[in-house]
Every structure is written in C-alpha cells, then in structure tokens.
C-alpha cells in the first residue's frame, strides 16, 4: 500500500538533520575555543542543511503532485456489434488489476457504463502512498438521451472479483487503521461511460478521485470525438 515515494523527501531531510548536527558540533568547538574548527563545521553544516532542506521541499512537491494525480489501470473494455439494427453489442471486460477472468455482457443501447464503489483517502495519506481502493459492481447500457432511453430495456451484468491489491492487507488491519488514524476521506459510487462501436477498445482507470475512462484504439477515438445526436461531445 505504501510506496517508496517517501524517500523523495525523507532522505534529503536526513541530510539536512546531519547538517544541523554538524552546526551544533561547530558551536560546541566555538565554546571550547577551537574557532578554526568551529568555523569550518559551521559553514559546512549550514551549507549541508540548506541543500538538504531545499531538496526535501523539491521532493515533497514532486511527491504531492505524483501521489495526488496517481492513476492505475483497472480494466480494458472491448466492444463487438451483435446487431446494428437493434443496437445490440457484446461488451467484454478484461481486468488488469489481478488474475480475474474476463467477463462478457450483452447490452442494448448507445453507450456502455461501468460503475463501482470507491474508498477515497485523505490527501496526507495519498502523499504517503495510500491510493484509492475500489470494487467494480456492474456494466450496463446507456442511451444518448433520456427520451431515447425511456421505455427501452435495461440490460446489465454484475462484475465479480476484487483487485489483487485489496487482498494484501487483512481486513481487521484495514479497519484498525481507519478507526485510529482517520485516513478515510469518504466512500462513494463512481461510474464512467463511453459510446458503443464495433471494434472499439477502452481503458478504465482508477484515480484518487474515482474512475476515469479513455479510448485505446482508433475506432474508439473516432467515435469518442464524433458529435452525439444531441450535438454534444464527450
């Protein structure tokens, strides 16, 4: 759960502390009358401390930006047309977050929609390497407009399996951390949708704020950038 990003600023802080100790040693020599040795240690220590703190600030800023914008691949979504006249498609979800078998679902509509539950951590926990956890629940259909979808059949399939990372930490330990360190920010539902098109491939991502989706091949990119019937775009 916790990454190695801590070293980005922890190591420079250690260097800065070493510099401060060097300065303290110089002050001690000054009190003992060894002014030449004290001057050298004071100059060397303050320089080392200044460099260490500067690098720590750079590392901390880099870590903040990296962790708070972290994205992880969750699944690839493959679309195949079964009946263009009936807007019928087979959507296959291939998980990338663990050894979970691919699942296929037949849906009828203009767009696929995948949703799940997300557990978001507080920003300070993100910085230390704790990324948002999640569970995918369902893939279902969606229409371009409510008027187009009213009266039509809802088609959907449950998605099974949890990401491998969720099995690394025992549940009792997770609950203890939540209860004692107030790391959890909130839990919420998150979903993303993209247009259905024969041969389109998409990728589902998990961010620190929930799910995101992006087209992965030319077919998906073309249909994703094309105007929808209501004139809007994705």
Foldseek 3Di string as FASTA:
>chain_A
DFDPLVCQQPVLQVQLVVLVVLLVVLVVVVVVVNNVSSVVSNVSSVVSNVVSVVSNVVSLVVLLVDLQWDKDFFWKWWWADPDPVQQKIKIWTGGPQDPDDIDIFIAHEFKKKWKWKKWAWDSVVSSRPDAIAIDTFKIWYDYPDPVVCPPDDTTMDTDDDGGPVVVPDDPVVVVVCCVPVVGTDDMDMDMDMATHDHGWMKIWMQHSVGIDMDTDDPVRVVRQQDADPVRDHD
